[in-house]
Every structure is written in structure tokens, then in C-alpha cells.
Amino acid sequence: KQWYQRRVRGTLQTNTLAMSKLKGFGFEVFGKVQGVYFRQYTCETAEKLGIVGWVANSKRGTVVGIAQGQENEIEKFKKWLKEEGSPLSKIEQTNIEKETDLEKLEFDKFTYMAAYV
């Protein structure tokens, strides 16, 4: 996916976590996910779980992003993206893509982008 490749290829600050299996993935969430504070809640949830990456609205009306972190926290975040979301959202489908093992994190925090990607 272009949105995934475009964001990962840039020069990014890197972090490492000792003794942790690090994972990363791209995601796209379909349904009523724009205009319902989905990005804000995604950032808050990611921060609580120690996940780094980004989230943005897409021009297609979905929410897309990249998440990286410790394997057990990544699994919790995936579940949140698939089943919970923001209180006003209605998730119809969540696609998880480009799952990878990582040696180090490629972001220093989790952010949401104001612009559409």
C-alpha cells in the first residue's frame, strides 16, 4: 500500500526496547470512523499501551495507520482497532497488513495526522 510505504521510508527517529519482541503492522479501519474522534482515541489507546506510529483519515473515508511496539501490547491494540474504537464509531471491518518483526522501533511516539492520506 502506498500510504504505508510512503510513511515508513522517511527518515525516522529510532528507539529500542531491551528483551522485547517488537512487531509492527499497517491498518485500515472501515465503517463510521471519521468525525467520531477515532484518531484521538486511537492515539490515547496507543499511548497507554506503549505503541508508537501514526493514524490518519484517508480520502476513502477510512482511517489508516502504522503501529509498532511490544508483541503483547500490539495484540491488544489490534483487538481495540477491530472491536472497540471510539465511543461514537461503528467499526465494520479492520484490515491488518504488512505485519513484521522489528529489531527497533521506527517512531518515537504515536501521532495523528490532520491531513488526509
C-alpha atoms as a PDB file:
ATOM      1  CA  LYS A   1       0.000   0.000   0.000  1.00  0.00           C
ATOM      2  CA  GLN A   2       1.328   3.423  -0.918  1.00  0.00           C
ATOM      3  CA  TRP A   3       0.315   5.120   2.338  1.00  0.00           C
ATOM      4  CA  TYR A   4       2.260   2.501   4.325  1.00  0.00           C
ATOM      5  CA  GLN A   5       5.396   2.641   2.189  1.00  0.00           C
ATOM      6  CA  ARG A   6       5.425   6.435   1.982  1.00  0.00           C
ATOM      7  CA  ARG A   7       5.467   6.873   5.765  1.00  0.00           C
ATOM      8  CA  VAL A   8       7.950   4.119   6.614  1.00  0.00           C
ATOM      9  CA  ARG A   9      10.589   5.075   4.041  1.00  0.00           C
ATOM     10  CA  GLY A  10      11.186   8.533   5.531  1.00  0.00           C
ATOM     11  CA  THR A  11      13.985   9.310   7.953  1.00  0.00           C
ATOM     12  CA  LEU A  12      12.628   8.465  11.364  1.00  0.00           C
ATOM     13  CA  GLN A  13      13.987   8.571  14.869  1.00  0.00           C
ATOM     14  CA  THR A  14      14.545   5.050  16.188  1.00  0.00           C
ATOM     15  CA  ASN A  15      14.168   3.502  19.615  1.00  0.00           C
ATOM     16  CA  THR A  16      14.931   0.077  21.018  1.00  0.00           C
ATOM     17  CA  LEU A  17      13.351  -1.914  23.826  1.00  0.00           C
ATOM     18  CA  ALA A  18      15.569  -4.447  25.546  1.00  0.00           C
ATOM     19  CA  MET A  19      14.393  -8.039  25.866  1.00  0.00           C
ATOM     20  CA  SER A  20      11.109  -7.431  23.995  1.00  0.00           C
ATOM     21  CA  LYS A  21       9.853  -8.934  20.773  1.00  0.00           C
ATOM     22  CA  LEU A  22       8.904  -5.963  18.643  1.00  0.00           C
ATOM     23  CA  LYS A  23       6.188  -6.088  15.990  1.00  0.00           C
ATOM     24  CA  GLY A  24       4.774  -3.636  13.501  1.00  0.00           C
ATOM     25  CA  PHE A  25       1.783  -3.523  11.181  1.00  0.00           C
ATOM     26  CA  GLY A  26      -0.282  -1.269   8.976  1.00  0.00           C
ATOM     27  CA  PHE A  27      -4.024  -0.960   9.425  1.00  0.00           C
ATOM     28  CA  GLU A  28      -7.139   0.379   7.727  1.00  0.00           C
ATOM     29  CA  VAL A  29     -10.434   0.668   9.591  1.00  0.00           C
ATOM     30  CA  PHE A  30     -13.752   0.834   7.707  1.00  0.00           C
ATOM     31  CA  GLY A  31     -17.161   1.986   8.933  1.00  0.00           C
ATOM     32  CA  LYS A  32     -18.239   5.124  10.762  1.00  0.00           C
ATOM     33  CA  VAL A  33     -14.720   6.128  11.771  1.00  0.00           C
ATOM     34  CA  GLN A  34     -14.371   9.729  10.609  1.00  0.00           C
ATOM     35  CA  GLY A  35     -15.941  12.603  12.530  1.00  0.00           C
ATOM     36  CA  VAL A  36     -16.269  10.463  15.673  1.00  0.00           C
ATOM     37  CA  TYR A  37     -12.886  11.176  17.366  1.00  0.00           C
ATOM     38  CA  PHE A  38     -11.495   7.838  16.199  1.00  0.00           C
ATOM     39  CA  ARG A  39      -7.985   9.211  15.634  1.00  0.00           C
ATOM     40  CA  GLN A  40      -7.919  10.866  19.056  1.00  0.00           C
ATOM     41  CA  TYR A  41      -8.994   7.695  20.852  1.00  0.00           C
ATOM     42  CA  THR A  42      -6.548   5.666  18.753  1.00  0.00           C
ATOM     43  CA  CYS A  43      -3.694   7.906  19.931  1.00  0.00           C
ATOM     44  CA  GLU A  44      -4.788   7.703  23.569  1.00  0.00           C
ATOM     45  CA  THR A  45      -5.090   3.915  23.420  1.00  0.00           C
ATOM     46  CA  ALA A  46      -1.719   3.553  21.679  1.00  0.00           C
ATOM     47  CA  GLU A  47      -0.012   5.753  24.265  1.00  0.00           C
ATOM     48  CA  LYS A  48      -1.492   3.719  27.145  1.00  0.00           C
ATOM     49  CA  LEU A  49      -0.145   0.543  25.538  1.00  0.00           C
ATOM     50  CA  GLY A  50       3.282   1.992  24.683  1.00  0.00           C
ATOM     51  CA  ILE A  51       2.595   1.747  20.936  1.00  0.00           C
ATOM     52  CA  VAL A  52       4.321   4.133  18.508  1.00  0.00           C
ATOM     53  CA  GLY A  53       3.364   5.085  14.946  1.00  0.00           C
ATOM     54  CA  TRP A  54       0.672   7.243  13.386  1.00  0.00           C
ATOM     55  CA  VAL A  55      -3.001   7.385  12.375  1.00  0.00           C
ATOM     56  CA  ALA A  56      -4.770   9.482   9.725  1.00  0.00           C
ATOM     57  CA  ASN A  57      -8.065   9.826   7.898  1.00  0.00           C
ATOM     58  CA  SER A  58      -7.994   8.592   4.324  1.00  0.00           C
ATOM     59  CA  LYS A  59      -9.670  10.170   1.328  1.00  0.00           C
ATOM     60  CA  ARG A  60     -11.722   6.957   1.034  1.00  0.00           C
ATOM     61  CA  GLY A  61     -13.489   7.628   4.336  1.00  0.00           C
ATOM     62  CA  THR A  62     -11.440   5.113   6.320  1.00  0.00           C
ATOM     63  CA  VAL A  63      -8.787   5.521   8.997  1.00  0.00           C
ATOM     64  CA  VAL A  64      -5.271   4.242   8.216  1.00  0.00           C
ATOM     65  CA  GLY A  65      -2.064   3.998  10.179  1.00  0.00           C
ATOM     66  CA  ILE A  66       1.047   2.198  11.295  1.00  0.00           C
ATOM     67  CA  ALA A  67       1.623   0.742  14.760  1.00  0.00           C
ATOM     68  CA  GLN A  68       4.799  -0.618  16.344  1.00  0.00           C
ATOM     69  CA  GLY A  69       5.514  -1.941  19.822  1.00  0.00           C
ATOM     70  CA  GLN A  70       5.922  -4.943  22.084  1.00  0.00           C
ATOM     71  CA  GLU A  71       4.176  -8.033  20.758  1.00  0.00           C
ATOM     72  CA  ASN A  72       1.696  -8.465  23.619  1.00  0.00           C
ATOM     73  CA  GLU A  73       0.675  -4.795  23.503  1.00  0.00           C
ATOM     74  CA  ILE A  74       0.390  -4.914  19.699  1.00  0.00           C
ATOM     75  CA  GLU A  75      -2.125  -7.759  20.021  1.00  0.00           C
ATOM     76  CA  LYS A  76      -4.211  -5.687  22.467  1.00  0.00           C
ATOM     77  CA  PHE A  77      -4.093  -2.730  20.077  1.00  0.00           C
ATOM     78  CA  LYS A  78      -5.229  -4.869  17.125  1.00  0.00           C
ATOM     79  CA  LYS A  79      -8.186  -6.084  19.171  1.00  0.00           C
ATOM     80  CA  TRP A  80      -9.058  -2.478  20.075  1.00  0.00           C
ATOM     81  CA  LEU A  81      -8.932  -1.460  16.383  1.00  0.00           C
ATOM     82  CA  LYS A  82     -11.169  -4.385  15.403  1.00  0.00           C
ATOM     83  CA  GLU A  83     -13.693  -4.393  18.232  1.00  0.00           C
ATOM     84  CA  GLU A  84     -13.763  -1.169  20.238  1.00  0.00           C
ATOM     85  CA  GLY A  85     -12.696   2.106  18.634  1.00  0.00           C
ATOM     86  CA  SER A  86     -14.030   5.437  19.829  1.00  0.00           C
ATOM     87  CA  PRO A  87     -17.377   5.540  21.662  1.00  0.00           C
ATOM     88  CA  LEU A  88     -19.255   7.016  18.663  1.00  0.00           C
ATOM     89  CA  SER A  89     -17.570   4.890  15.990  1.00  0.00           C
ATOM     90  CA  LYS A  90     -19.070   1.873  14.270  1.00  0.00           C
ATOM     91  CA  ILE A  91     -16.343  -0.449  13.015  1.00  0.00           C
ATOM     92  CA  GLU A  92     -17.411  -2.579  10.065  1.00  0.00           C
ATOM     93  CA  GLN A  93     -14.032  -4.049   9.138  1.00  0.00           C
ATOM     94  CA  THR A  94     -10.378  -3.701  10.092  1.00  0.00           C
ATOM     95  CA  ASN A  95      -7.623  -4.794   7.733  1.00  0.00           C
ATOM     96  CA  ILE A  96      -4.259  -5.609   9.300  1.00  0.00           C
ATOM     97  CA  GLU A  97      -1.432  -5.507   6.751  1.00  0.00           C
ATOM     98  CA  LYS A  98       2.344  -5.770   6.475  1.00  0.00           C
ATOM     99  CA  GLU A  99       2.875  -7.472   9.828  1.00  0.00           C
ATOM    100  CA  THR A 100       6.597  -7.538  10.528  1.00  0.00           C
ATOM    101  CA  ASP A 101       9.120  -8.386  13.214  1.00  0.00           C
ATOM    102  CA  LEU A 102      11.276  -5.404  14.123  1.00  0.00           C
ATOM    103  CA  GLU A 103      14.735  -5.021  15.582  1.00  0.00           C
ATOM    104  CA  LYS A 104      13.970  -1.465  16.692  1.00  0.00           C
ATOM    105  CA  LEU A 105      11.075   0.985  16.647  1.00  0.00           C
ATOM    106  CA  GLU A 106      10.981   3.469  13.772  1.00  0.00           C
ATOM    107  CA  PHE A 107       8.950   6.145  15.588  1.00  0.00           C
ATOM    108  CA  ASP A 108       9.370   7.886  18.939  1.00  0.00           C
ATOM    109  CA  LYS A 109       5.652   8.358  19.722  1.00  0.00           C
ATOM    110  CA  PHE A 110       2.161   7.807  18.340  1.00  0.00           C
ATOM    111  CA  THR A 111       0.662  10.767  16.479  1.00  0.00           C
ATOM    112  CA  TYR A 112      -2.379  11.571  14.421  1.00  0.00           C
ATOM    113  CA  MET A 113      -2.164  13.481  11.194  1.00  0.00           C
ATOM    114  CA  ALA A 114      -4.591  16.248  10.406  1.00  0.00           C
ATOM    115  CA  ALA A 115      -4.262  15.854   6.614  1.00  0.00           C
ATOM    116  CA  TYR A 116      -5.852  13.098   4.558  1.00  0.00           C
ATOM    117  CA  VAL A 117      -3.570  10.428   3.135  1.00  0.00           C
END
